[in-house]
Each structure stands twice: as structure tokens, then as C-alpha cells.
Amino acid sequence: DVIVYTDEGGQFNINTTGLGGGLVVNGVNVILEMEQQKLTISSQQSTIEMLNYTNQRFSLIHDYIYTKFREEICVDVSFTPIPVTASASWYGGVLANNGLIYAIPWS
């Protein structure tokens, strides 16, 4: 038996008395779809954590390189950050007192 109702709070409810039944809406197994989405979200969260860690490490390296260039070859330092995209090769650069621009690699 299937009981479909809206409770006093306005929440839509579907209850069944059978065991092992799934929930299929318009031919889509909703339970299976939700389980797959949970796996995808978990994978994405792991990727975000790895990217955050990588970004923190990159920031430390960037700060070291930036400070090193500034101390050794730059009198007037002009740092221009470049928005980083998946295909970016450079993070930014510094203008040295010799007129050259030293770029900071991204990938």
C-alpha cells in the first residue's frame, strides 16, 4: 500500500508498507540518483580540499619568490596579479629595475 499526503507543516509525504521498494519518479530511481549525487558531492569536496591545500602551498611559494625578487633585483616593485584559470600559465609578475618583467609560473 502507498499512502500519499501533505502534513500540517505542508511537507509532502509518501509512505509504503512494503519492504525493499524503491522510489521511482518518471522512470528515475530517486534513491539511486541521490546515492550517486552523494558520491559526486563527496568527490567534489575532496577536490576542493586538495585545491585549497595546493593554493595555500602556492601562496607560500609565491610569497617567497616575490620577496626574493624584490630583495635582490627590484627597486620599484609593481606586482600585477592575473586571474588564475584552469588554463593559466602565469600567476603574475614583477617589474624589475632593469626594465624586465619576471613572471611567476602557475602550472
PDB file of N, CA and C in Angstrom:
ATOM      1  N   ASP A   1       0.826  -1.185   0.000  1.00  0.00           N
ATOM      2  CA  ASP A   1       0.000   0.000   0.000  1.00  0.00           C
ATOM      3  C   ASP A   1       0.873   1.252   0.000  1.00  0.00           C
ATOM      4  N   VAL A   2       0.402   2.252  -0.690  1.00  0.00           N
ATOM      5  CA  VAL A   2       1.093   3.527  -0.743  1.00  0.00           C
ATOM      6  C   VAL A   2       0.166   4.607  -0.199  1.00  0.00           C
ATOM      7  N   ILE A   3       0.690   5.394   0.727  1.00  0.00           N
ATOM      8  CA  ILE A   3      -0.080   6.500   1.295  1.00  0.00           C
ATOM      9  C   ILE A   3       0.639   7.788   0.926  1.00  0.00           C
ATOM     10  N   VAL A   4      -0.087   8.690   0.266  1.00  0.00           N
ATOM     11  CA  VAL A   4       0.468   9.977  -0.150  1.00  0.00           C
ATOM     12  C   VAL A   4      -0.351  11.067   0.537  1.00  0.00           C
ATOM     13  N   TYR A   5       0.352  11.977   1.232  1.00  0.00           N
ATOM     14  CA  TYR A   5      -0.371  13.040   1.920  1.00  0.00           C
ATOM     15  C   TYR A   5       0.551  14.233   2.171  1.00  0.00           C
ATOM     16  N   THR A   6      -0.066  15.364   2.506  1.00  0.00           N
ATOM     17  CA  THR A   6       0.651  16.565   2.916  1.00  0.00           C
ATOM     18  C   THR A   6       0.339  16.787   4.381  1.00  0.00           C
ATOM     19  N   ASP A   7       1.377  16.897   5.221  1.00  0.00           N
ATOM     20  CA  ASP A   7       1.146  17.066   6.659  1.00  0.00           C
ATOM     21  C   ASP A   7       0.799  18.512   6.982  1.00  0.00           C
ATOM     22  N   GLU A   8       0.556  18.776   8.282  1.00  0.00           N
ATOM     23  CA  GLU A   8       0.130  20.114   8.713  1.00  0.00           C
ATOM     24  C   GLU A   8       1.184  21.187   8.439  1.00  0.00           C
ATOM     25  N   GLY A   9       2.463  20.794   8.309  1.00  0.00           N
ATOM     26  CA  GLY A   9       3.529  21.746   8.002  1.00  0.00           C
ATOM     27  C   GLY A   9       3.704  21.981   6.510  1.00  0.00           C
ATOM     28  N   GLY A  10       2.900  21.295   5.684  1.00  0.00           N
ATOM     29  CA  GLY A  10       2.986  21.462   4.245  1.00  0.00           C
ATOM     30  C   GLY A  10       3.992  20.535   3.581  1.00  0.00           C
ATOM     31  N   GLN A  11       4.560  19.588   4.337  1.00  0.00           N
ATOM     32  CA  GLN A  11       5.555  18.664   3.774  1.00  0.00           C
ATOM     33  C   GLN A  11       4.843  17.520   3.059  1.00  0.00           C
ATOM     34  N   PHE A  12       5.298  17.226   1.856  1.00  0.00           N
ATOM     35  CA  PHE A  12       4.746  16.140   1.048  1.00  0.00           C
ATOM     36  C   PHE A  12       5.331  14.825   1.533  1.00  0.00           C
ATOM     37  N   ASN A  13       4.487  13.829   1.776  1.00  0.00           N
ATOM     38  CA  ASN A  13       4.934  12.545   2.306  1.00  0.00           C
ATOM     39  C   ASN A  13       4.443  11.398   1.440  1.00  0.00           C
ATOM     40  N   ILE A  14       5.315  10.401   1.259  1.00  0.00           N
ATOM     41  CA  ILE A  14       4.943   9.154   0.602  1.00  0.00           C
ATOM     42  C   ILE A  14       5.389   8.043   1.540  1.00  0.00           C
ATOM     43  N   ASN A  15       4.453   7.219   1.988  1.00  0.00           N
ATOM     44  CA  ASN A  15       4.775   6.097   2.862  1.00  0.00           C
ATOM     45  C   ASN A  15       4.320   4.813   2.205  1.00  0.00           C
ATOM     46  N   THR A  16       5.139   3.767   2.340  1.00  0.00           N
ATOM     47  CA  THR A  16       4.762   2.456   1.824  1.00  0.00           C
ATOM     48  C   THR A  16       4.845   1.444   2.945  1.00  0.00           C
ATOM     49  N   THR A  17       4.070   0.384   2.798  1.00  0.00           N
ATOM     50  CA  THR A  17       4.109  -0.669   3.800  1.00  0.00           C
ATOM     51  C   THR A  17       4.972  -1.837   3.354  1.00  0.00           C
ATOM     52  N   GLY A  18       5.362  -1.868   2.098  1.00  0.00           N
ATOM     53  CA  GLY A  18       6.183  -2.960   1.590  1.00  0.00           C
ATOM     54  C   GLY A  18       7.647  -2.751   1.926  1.00  0.00           C
ATOM     55  N   LEU A  19       8.408  -3.844   1.887  1.00  0.00           N
ATOM     56  CA  LEU A  19       9.850  -3.780   2.137  1.00  0.00           C
ATOM     57  C   LEU A  19      10.613  -3.832   0.824  1.00  0.00           C
ATOM     58  N   GLY A  20      11.712  -3.121   0.772  1.00  0.00           N
ATOM     59  CA  GLY A  20      12.614  -3.224  -0.373  1.00  0.00           C
ATOM     60  C   GLY A  20      12.182  -2.449  -1.596  1.00  0.00           C
ATOM     61  N   GLY A  21      11.119  -1.720  -1.518  1.00  0.00           N
ATOM     62  CA  GLY A  21      10.669  -0.951  -2.667  1.00  0.00           C
ATOM     63  C   GLY A  21      11.494   0.309  -2.835  1.00  0.00           C
ATOM     64  N   GLY A  22      11.686   0.717  -4.061  1.00  0.00           N
ATOM     65  CA  GLY A  22      12.398   1.953  -4.329  1.00  0.00           C
ATOM     66  C   GLY A  22      11.411   3.072  -4.575  1.00  0.00           C
ATOM     67  N   LEU A  23      11.950   4.213  -4.895  1.00  0.00           N
ATOM     68  CA  LEU A  23      11.105   5.364  -5.237  1.00  0.00           C
ATOM     69  C   LEU A  23      11.459   5.752  -6.667  1.00  0.00           C
ATOM     70  N   VAL A  24      10.509   5.557  -7.563  1.00  0.00           N
ATOM     71  CA  VAL A  24      10.717   5.853  -8.976  1.00  0.00           C
ATOM     72  C   VAL A  24       9.761   6.971  -9.369  1.00  0.00           C
ATOM     73  N   VAL A  25      10.332   8.060  -9.908  1.00  0.00           N
ATOM     74  CA  VAL A  25       9.532   9.178 -10.381  1.00  0.00           C
ATOM     75  C   VAL A  25       9.887   9.404 -11.845  1.00  0.00           C
ATOM     76  N   ASN A  26       8.868   9.319 -12.690  1.00  0.00           N
ATOM     77  CA  ASN A  26       9.056   9.478 -14.142  1.00  0.00           C
ATOM     78  C   ASN A  26      10.172   8.577 -14.666  1.00  0.00           C
ATOM     79  N   GLY A  27      10.216   7.362 -14.177  1.00  0.00           N
ATOM     80  CA  GLY A  27      11.197   6.386 -14.648  1.00  0.00           C
ATOM     81  C   GLY A  27      12.579   6.510 -14.038  1.00  0.00           C
ATOM     82  N   VAL A  28      12.769   7.435 -13.085  1.00  0.00           N
ATOM     83  CA  VAL A  28      14.079   7.642 -12.455  1.00  0.00           C
ATOM     84  C   VAL A  28      14.041   7.100 -11.038  1.00  0.00           C
ATOM     85  N   ASN A  29      14.980   6.202 -10.713  1.00  0.00           N
ATOM     86  CA  ASN A  29      15.107   5.686  -9.360  1.00  0.00           C
ATOM     87  C   ASN A  29      15.705   6.793  -8.495  1.00  0.00           C
ATOM     88  N   VAL A  30      14.879   7.466  -7.733  1.00  0.00           N
ATOM     89  CA  VAL A  30      15.284   8.646  -6.976  1.00  0.00           C
ATOM     90  C   VAL A  30      16.326   8.290  -5.912  1.00  0.00           C
ATOM     91  N   ILE A  31      16.158   7.164  -5.232  1.00  0.00           N
ATOM     92  CA  ILE A  31      17.099   6.758  -4.184  1.00  0.00           C
ATOM     93  C   ILE A  31      18.487   6.516  -4.783  1.00  0.00           C
ATOM     94  N   LEU A  32      18.537   5.789  -5.895  1.00  0.00           N
ATOM     95  CA  LEU A  32      19.822   5.530  -6.560  1.00  0.00           C
ATOM     96  C   LEU A  32      20.449   6.843  -7.035  1.00  0.00           C
ATOM     97  N   GLU A  33      19.642   7.731  -7.584  1.00  0.00           N
ATOM     98  CA  GLU A  33      20.131   9.026  -8.065  1.00  0.00           C
ATOM     99  C   GLU A  33      20.733   9.836  -6.912  1.00  0.00           C
ATOM    100  N   MET A  34      20.072   9.832  -5.756  1.00  0.00           N
ATOM    101  CA  MET A  34      20.575  10.563  -4.595  1.00  0.00           C
ATOM    102  C   MET A  34      21.889   9.961  -4.087  1.00  0.00           C
ATOM    103  N   GLU A  35      21.993   8.638  -4.093  1.00  0.00           N
ATOM    104  CA  GLU A  35      23.240   7.986  -3.666  1.00  0.00           C
ATOM    105  C   GLU A  35      24.393   8.364  -4.599  1.00  0.00           C
ATOM    106  N   GLN A  36      24.117   8.401  -5.895  1.00  0.00           N
ATOM    107  CA  GLN A  36      25.151   8.801  -6.855  1.00  0.00           C
ATOM    108  C   GLN A  36      25.549  10.257  -6.652  1.00  0.00           C
ATOM    109  N   GLN A  37      24.586  11.108  -6.359  1.00  0.00           N
ATOM    110  CA  GLN A  37      24.899  12.518  -6.110  1.00  0.00           C
ATOM    111  C   GLN A  37      25.720  12.692  -4.839  1.00  0.00           C
ATOM    112  N   LYS A  38      25.443  11.888  -3.815  1.00  0.00           N
ATOM    113  CA  LYS A  38      26.243  11.936  -2.582  1.00  0.00           C
ATOM    114  C   LYS A  38      27.704  11.606  -2.891  1.00  0.00           C
ATOM    115  N   LEU A  39      27.925  10.581  -3.732  1.00  0.00           N
ATOM    116  CA  LEU A  39      29.296  10.216  -4.113  1.00  0.00           C
ATOM    117  C   LEU A  39      29.967  11.348  -4.889  1.00  0.00           C
ATOM    118  N   THR A  40      29.232  11.966  -5.799  1.00  0.00           N
ATOM    119  CA  THR A  40      29.777  13.073  -6.588  1.00  0.00           C
ATOM    120  C   THR A  40      30.133  14.244  -5.681  1.00  0.00           C
ATOM    121  N   ILE A  41      29.244  14.588  -4.755  1.00  0.00           N
ATOM    122  CA  ILE A  41      29.499  15.705  -3.835  1.00  0.00           C
ATOM    123  C   ILE A  41      30.706  15.405  -2.959  1.00  0.00           C
ATOM    124  N   SER A  42      30.816  14.175  -2.482  1.00  0.00           N
ATOM    125  CA  SER A  42      31.966  13.794  -1.651  1.00  0.00           C
ATOM    126  C   SER A  42      33.262  13.937  -2.434  1.00  0.00           C
ATOM    127  N   SER A  43      33.251  13.501  -3.684  1.00  0.00           N
ATOM    128  CA  SER A  43      34.431  13.626  -4.540  1.00  0.00           C
ATOM    129  C   SER A  43      34.774  15.090  -4.778  1.00  0.00           C
ATOM    130  N   GLN A  44      33.756  15.913  -5.014  1.00  0.00           N
ATOM    131  CA  GLN A  44      33.986  17.341  -5.228  1.00  0.00           C
ATOM    132  C   GLN A  44      34.543  18.004  -3.976  1.00  0.00           C
ATOM    133  N   GLN A  45      34.044  17.600  -2.799  1.00  0.00           N
ATOM    134  CA  GLN A  45      34.555  18.160  -1.554  1.00  0.00           C
ATOM    135  C   GLN A  45      36.033  17.804  -1.368  1.00  0.00           C
ATOM    136  N   SER A  46      36.401  16.569  -1.709  1.00  0.00           N
ATOM    137  CA  SER A  46      37.806  16.165  -1.623  1.00  0.00           C
ATOM    138  C   SER A  46      38.666  16.986  -2.574  1.00  0.00           C
ATOM    139  N   THR A  47      38.159  17.222  -3.779  1.00  0.00           N
ATOM    140  CA  THR A  47      38.889  18.027  -4.758  1.00  0.00           C
ATOM    141  C   THR A  47      39.059  19.459  -4.258  1.00  0.00           C
ATOM    142  N   ILE A  48      38.007  20.028  -3.673  1.00  0.00           N
ATOM    143  CA  ILE A  48      38.086  21.395  -3.145  1.00  0.00           C
ATOM    144  C   ILE A  48      39.110  21.467  -2.020  1.00  0.00           C
ATOM    145  N   GLU A  49      39.125  20.475  -1.129  1.00  0.00           N
ATOM    146  CA  GLU A  49      40.104  20.455  -0.041  1.00  0.00           C
ATOM    147  C   GLU A  49      41.532  20.386  -0.591  1.00  0.00           C
ATOM    148  N   MET A  50      41.742  19.546  -1.619  1.00  0.00           N
ATOM    149  CA  MET A  50      43.061  19.427  -2.232  1.00  0.00           C
ATOM    150  C   MET A  50      43.469  20.731  -2.897  1.00  0.00           C
ATOM    151  N   LEU A  51      42.512  21.381  -3.586  1.00  0.00           N
ATOM    152  CA  LEU A  51      42.818  22.652  -4.244  1.00  0.00           C
ATOM    153  C   LEU A  51      43.115  23.745  -3.216  1.00  0.00           C
ATOM    154  N   ASN A  52      42.391  23.759  -2.103  1.00  0.00           N
ATOM    155  CA  ASN A  52      42.669  24.732  -1.049  1.00  0.00           C
ATOM    156  C   ASN A  52      44.062  24.519  -0.474  1.00  0.00           C
ATOM    157  N   TYR A  53      44.437  23.259  -0.249  1.00  0.00           N
ATOM    158  CA  TYR A  53      45.772  22.945   0.263  1.00  0.00           C
ATOM    159  C   TYR A  53      46.838  23.390  -0.744  1.00  0.00           C
ATOM    160  N   THR A  54      46.604  23.064  -2.020  1.00  0.00           N
ATOM    161  CA  THR A  54      47.547  23.446  -3.077  1.00  0.00           C
ATOM    162  C   THR A  54      47.666  24.963  -3.156  1.00  0.00           C
ATOM    163  N   ASN A  55      46.550  25.664  -3.044  1.00  0.00           N
ATOM    164  CA  ASN A  55      46.568  27.119  -3.095  1.00  0.00           C
ATOM    165  C   ASN A  55      47.354  27.711  -1.928  1.00  0.00           C
ATOM    166  N   GLN A  56      47.202  27.130  -0.740  1.00  0.00           N
ATOM    167  CA  GLN A  56      47.962  27.602   0.420  1.00  0.00           C
ATOM    168  C   GLN A  56      49.460  27.399   0.192  1.00  0.00           C
ATOM    169  N   ARG A  57      49.833  26.233  -0.327  1.00  0.00           N
ATOM    170  CA  ARG A  57      51.240  25.948  -0.610  1.00  0.00           C
ATOM    171  C   ARG A  57      51.764  26.902  -1.683  1.00  0.00           C
ATOM    172  N   PHE A  58      50.957  27.130  -2.727  1.00  0.00           N
ATOM    173  CA  PHE A  58      51.356  28.033  -3.791  1.00  0.00           C
ATOM    174  C   PHE A  58      51.566  29.444  -3.247  1.00  0.00           C
ATOM    175  N   SER A  59      50.677  29.865  -2.337  1.00  0.00           N
ATOM    176  CA  SER A  59      50.813  31.206  -1.753  1.00  0.00           C
ATOM    177  C   SER A  59      52.135  31.346  -1.008  1.00  0.00           C
ATOM    178  N   LEU A  60      52.529  30.306  -0.282  1.00  0.00           N
ATOM    179  CA  LEU A  60      53.812  30.343   0.430  1.00  0.00           C
ATOM    180  C   LEU A  60      54.980  30.453  -0.551  1.00  0.00           C
ATOM    181  N   ILE A  61      54.925  29.659  -1.612  1.00  0.00           N
ATOM    182  CA  ILE A  61      55.987  29.698  -2.631  1.00  0.00           C
ATOM    183  C   ILE A  61      55.992  31.064  -3.317  1.00  0.00           C
ATOM    184  N   HIS A  62      54.802  31.540  -3.662  1.00  0.00           N
ATOM    185  CA  HIS A  62      54.690  32.850  -4.300  1.00  0.00           C
ATOM    186  C   HIS A  62      55.307  33.933  -3.424  1.00  0.00           C
ATOM    187  N   ASP A  63      54.950  33.930  -2.137  1.00  0.00           N
ATOM    188  CA  ASP A  63      55.471  34.947  -1.219  1.00  0.00           C
ATOM    189  C   ASP A  63      56.992  34.883  -1.132  1.00  0.00           C
ATOM    190  N   TYR A  64      57.539  33.671  -1.123  1.00  0.00           N
ATOM    191  CA  TYR A  64      58.993  33.518  -1.065  1.00  0.00           C
ATOM    192  C   TYR A  64      59.644  34.084  -2.330  1.00  0.00           C
ATOM    193  N   ILE A  65      59.116  33.687  -3.491  1.00  0.00           N
ATOM    194  CA  ILE A  65      59.690  34.156  -4.765  1.00  0.00           C
ATOM    195  C   ILE A  65      59.551  35.671  -4.882  1.00  0.00           C
ATOM    196  N   TYR A  66      58.399  36.193  -4.542  1.00  0.00           N
ATOM    197  CA  TYR A  66      58.148  37.624  -4.628  1.00  0.00           C
ATOM    198  C   TYR A  66      59.123  38.393  -3.745  1.00  0.00           C
ATOM    199  N   THR A  67      59.308  37.924  -2.514  1.00  0.00           N
ATOM    200  CA  THR A  67      60.226  38.586  -1.590  1.00  0.00           C
ATOM    201  C   THR A  67      61.657  38.488  -2.097  1.00  0.00           C
ATOM    202  N   LYS A  68      62.053  37.318  -2.614  1.00  0.00           N
ATOM    203  CA  LYS A  68      63.413  37.108  -3.114  1.00  0.00           C
ATOM    204  C   LYS A  68      63.709  38.059  -4.267  1.00  0.00           C
ATOM    205  N   PHE A  69      62.792  38.127  -5.248  1.00  0.00           N
ATOM    206  CA  PHE A  69      62.997  39.038  -6.376  1.00  0.00           C
ATOM    207  C   PHE A  69      63.062  40.475  -5.898  1.00  0.00           C
ATOM    208  N   ARG A  70      62.202  40.829  -5.025  1.00  0.00           N
ATOM    209  CA  ARG A  70      62.145  42.201  -4.537  1.00  0.00           C
ATOM    210  C   ARG A  70      63.432  42.587  -3.832  1.00  0.00           C
ATOM    211  N   GLU A  71      63.967  41.681  -3.018  1.00  0.00           N
ATOM    212  CA  GLU A  71      65.192  41.984  -2.282  1.00  0.00           C
ATOM    213  C   GLU A  71      66.411  42.033  -3.193  1.00  0.00           C
ATOM    214  N   GLU A  72      66.464  41.154  -4.194  1.00  0.00           N
ATOM    215  CA  GLU A  72      67.683  41.008  -4.996  1.00  0.00           C
ATOM    216  C   GLU A  72      67.748  41.890  -6.229  1.00  0.00           C
ATOM    217  N   ILE A  73      66.628  42.103  -6.918  1.00  0.00           N
ATOM    218  CA  ILE A  73      66.746  42.796  -8.204  1.00  0.00           C
ATOM    219  C   ILE A  73      65.766  43.936  -8.419  1.00  0.00           C
ATOM    220  N   CYS A  74      64.853  44.150  -7.516  1.00  0.00           N
ATOM    221  CA  CYS A  74      63.821  45.157  -7.771  1.00  0.00           C
ATOM    222  C   CYS A  74      63.956  46.345  -6.831  1.00  0.00           C
ATOM    223  N   VAL A  75      63.925  47.525  -7.428  1.00  0.00           N
ATOM    224  CA  VAL A  75      63.886  48.736  -6.618  1.00  0.00           C
ATOM    225  C   VAL A  75      62.425  49.143  -6.467  1.00  0.00           C
ATOM    226  N   ASP A  76      61.769  49.431  -7.579  1.00  0.00           N
ATOM    227  CA  ASP A  76      60.337  49.699  -7.576  1.00  0.00           C
ATOM    228  C   ASP A  76      59.638  48.419  -7.992  1.00  0.00           C
ATOM    229  N   VAL A  77      58.850  47.873  -7.116  1.00  0.00           N
ATOM    230  CA  VAL A  77      58.175  46.619  -7.432  1.00  0.00           C
ATOM    231  C   VAL A  77      56.722  46.900  -7.757  1.00  0.00           C
ATOM    232  N   SER A  78      56.303  46.415  -8.884  1.00  0.00           N
ATOM    233  CA  SER A  78      54.914  46.516  -9.268  1.00  0.00           C
ATOM    234  C   SER A  78      54.432  45.102  -9.524  1.00  0.00           C
ATOM    235  N   PHE A  79      53.594  44.593  -8.623  1.00  0.00           N
ATOM    236  CA  PHE A  79      53.075  43.236  -8.774  1.00  0.00           C
ATOM    237  C   PHE A  79      51.683  43.303  -9.362  1.00  0.00           C
ATOM    238  N   THR A  80      51.469  42.576 -10.429  1.00  0.00           N
ATOM    239  CA  THR A  80      50.168  42.557 -11.069  1.00  0.00           C
ATOM    240  C   THR A  80      49.628  41.139 -11.059  1.00  0.00           C
ATOM    241  N   PRO A  81      48.643  40.858 -10.179  1.00  0.00           N
ATOM    242  CA  PRO A  81      48.058  39.516 -10.197  1.00  0.00           C
ATOM    243  C   PRO A  81      47.208  39.320 -11.441  1.00  0.00           C
ATOM    244  N   ILE A  82      47.265  38.140 -11.985  1.00  0.00           N
ATOM    245  CA  ILE A  82      46.470  37.784 -13.151  1.00  0.00           C
ATOM    246  C   ILE A  82      45.456  36.758 -12.674  1.00  0.00           C
ATOM    247  N   PRO A  83      44.169  36.929 -12.979  1.00  0.00           N
ATOM    248  CA  PRO A  83      43.186  35.929 -12.531  1.00  0.00           C
ATOM    249  C   PRO A  83      43.580  34.533 -13.016  1.00  0.00           C
ATOM    250  N   VAL A  84      43.603  33.597 -12.104  1.00  0.00           N
ATOM    251  CA  VAL A  84      44.031  32.237 -12.433  1.00  0.00           C
ATOM    252  C   VAL A  84      42.844  31.442 -12.955  1.00  0.00           C
ATOM    253  N   THR A  85      43.045  30.824 -14.105  1.00  0.00           N
ATOM    254  CA  THR A  85      42.046  29.922 -14.671  1.00  0.00           C
ATOM    255  C   THR A  85      42.690  28.568 -14.834  1.00  0.00           C
ATOM    256  N   ALA A  86      41.879  27.590 -15.213  1.00  0.00           N
ATOM    257  CA  ALA A  86      42.403  26.234 -15.371  1.00  0.00           C
ATOM    258  C   ALA A  86      43.508  26.169 -16.417  1.00  0.00           C
ATOM    259  N   SER A  87      43.484  27.072 -17.409  1.00  0.00           N
ATOM    260  CA  SER A  87      44.466  27.025 -18.479  1.00  0.00           C
ATOM    261  C   SER A  87      45.583  28.058 -18.313  1.00  0.00           C
ATOM    262  N   ALA A  88      45.596  28.760 -17.177  1.00  0.00           N
ATOM    263  CA  ALA A  88      46.586  29.821 -16.982  1.00  0.00           C
ATOM    264  C   ALA A  88      47.986  29.236 -16.812  1.00  0.00           C
ATOM    265  N   SER A  89      48.974  29.915 -17.376  1.00  0.00           N
ATOM    266  CA  SER A  89      50.370  29.509 -17.236  1.00  0.00           C
ATOM    267  C   SER A  89      51.114  30.395 -16.254  1.00  0.00           C
ATOM    268  N   TRP A  90      50.599  31.606 -16.031  1.00  0.00           N
ATOM    269  CA  TRP A  90      51.299  32.568 -15.190  1.00  0.00           C
ATOM    270  C   TRP A  90      50.356  33.132 -14.144  1.00  0.00           C
ATOM    271  N   TYR A  91      50.884  33.366 -12.934  1.00  0.00           N
ATOM    272  CA  TYR A  91      50.079  33.945 -11.855  1.00  0.00           C
ATOM    273  C   TYR A  91      50.172  35.461 -11.858  1.00  0.00           C
ATOM    274  N   GLY A  92      51.319  35.986 -12.159  1.00  0.00           N
ATOM    275  CA  GLY A  92      51.535  37.430 -12.163  1.00  0.00           C
ATOM    276  C   GLY A  92      52.988  37.706 -12.427  1.00  0.00           C
ATOM    277  N   GLY A  93      53.436  38.897 -12.105  1.00  0.00           N
ATOM    278  CA  GLY A  93      54.830  39.215 -12.351  1.00  0.00           C
ATOM    279  C   GLY A  93      55.264  40.456 -11.619  1.00  0.00           C
ATOM    280  N   VAL A  94      56.572  40.682 -11.629  1.00  0.00           N
ATOM    281  CA  VAL A  94      57.137  41.886 -11.017  1.00  0.00           C
ATOM    282  C   VAL A  94      57.990  42.605 -12.058  1.00  0.00           C
ATOM    283  N   LEU A  95      57.956  43.922 -11.991  1.00  0.00           N
ATOM    284  CA  LEU A  95      58.768  44.738 -12.883  1.00  0.00           C
ATOM    285  C   LEU A  95      60.079  45.051 -12.154  1.00  0.00           C
ATOM    286  N   ALA A  96      61.191  44.586 -12.702  1.00  0.00           N
ATOM    287  CA  ALA A  96      62.495  44.793 -12.077  1.00  0.00           C
ATOM    288  C   ALA A  96      63.064  46.151 -12.479  1.00  0.00           C
ATOM    289  N   ASN A  97      64.085  46.591 -11.727  1.00  0.00           N
ATOM    290  CA  ASN A  97      64.690  47.888 -12.016  1.00  0.00           C
ATOM    291  C   ASN A  97      65.462  47.876 -13.339  1.00  0.00           C
ATOM    292  N   ASN A  98      65.698  46.708 -13.910  1.00  0.00           N
ATOM    293  CA  ASN A  98      66.370  46.625 -15.202  1.00  0.00           C
ATOM    294  C   ASN A  98      65.373  46.675 -16.363  1.00  0.00           C
ATOM    295  N   GLY A  99      64.082  46.889 -16.052  1.00  0.00           N
ATOM    296  CA  GLY A  99      63.072  47.010 -17.093  1.00  0.00           C
ATOM    297  C   GLY A  99      62.444  45.696 -17.506  1.00  0.00           C
ATOM    298  N   LEU A 100      62.957  44.577 -16.999  1.00  0.00           N
ATOM    299  CA  LEU A 100      62.400  43.283 -17.356  1.00  0.00           C
ATOM    300  C   LEU A 100      61.248  42.936 -16.408  1.00  0.00           C
ATOM    301  N   ILE A 101      60.321  42.155 -16.944  1.00  0.00           N
ATOM    302  CA  ILE A 101      59.217  41.656 -16.125  1.00  0.00           C
ATOM    303  C   ILE A 101      59.502  40.190 -15.832  1.00  0.00           C
ATOM    304  N   TYR A 102      59.512  39.848 -14.564  1.00  0.00           N
ATOM    305  CA  TYR A 102      59.713  38.462 -14.148  1.00  0.00           C
ATOM    306  C   TYR A 102      58.347  37.888 -13.796  1.00  0.00           C
ATOM    307  N   ALA A 103      57.934  36.894 -14.577  1.00  0.00           N
ATOM    308  CA  ALA A 103      56.612  36.285 -14.402  1.00  0.00           C
ATOM    309  C   ALA A 103      56.700  35.149 -13.393  1.00  0.00           C
ATOM    310  N   ILE A 104      55.611  34.942 -12.695  1.00  0.00           N
ATOM    311  CA  ILE A 104      55.519  33.886 -11.705  1.00  0.00           C
ATOM    312  C   ILE A 104      54.681  32.763 -12.310  1.00  0.00           C
ATOM    313  N   PRO A 105      55.275  31.588 -12.494  1.00  0.00           N
ATOM    314  CA  PRO A 105      54.538  30.494 -13.149  1.00  0.00           C
ATOM    315  C   PRO A 105      53.417  29.951 -12.281  1.00  0.00           C
ATOM    316  N   TRP A 106      52.358  29.512 -12.946  1.00  0.00           N
ATOM    317  CA  TRP A 106      51.223  28.928 -12.238  1.00  0.00           C
ATOM    318  C   TRP A 106      51.204  27.415 -12.403  1.00  0.00           C
ATOM    319  N   SER A 107      51.453  26.919 -13.596  1.00  0.00           N
ATOM    320  CA  SER A 107      51.370  25.467 -13.787  1.00  0.00           C
ATOM    321  C   SER A 107      52.690  24.901 -14.252  1.00  0.00           C
TER     322      SER A 107
END
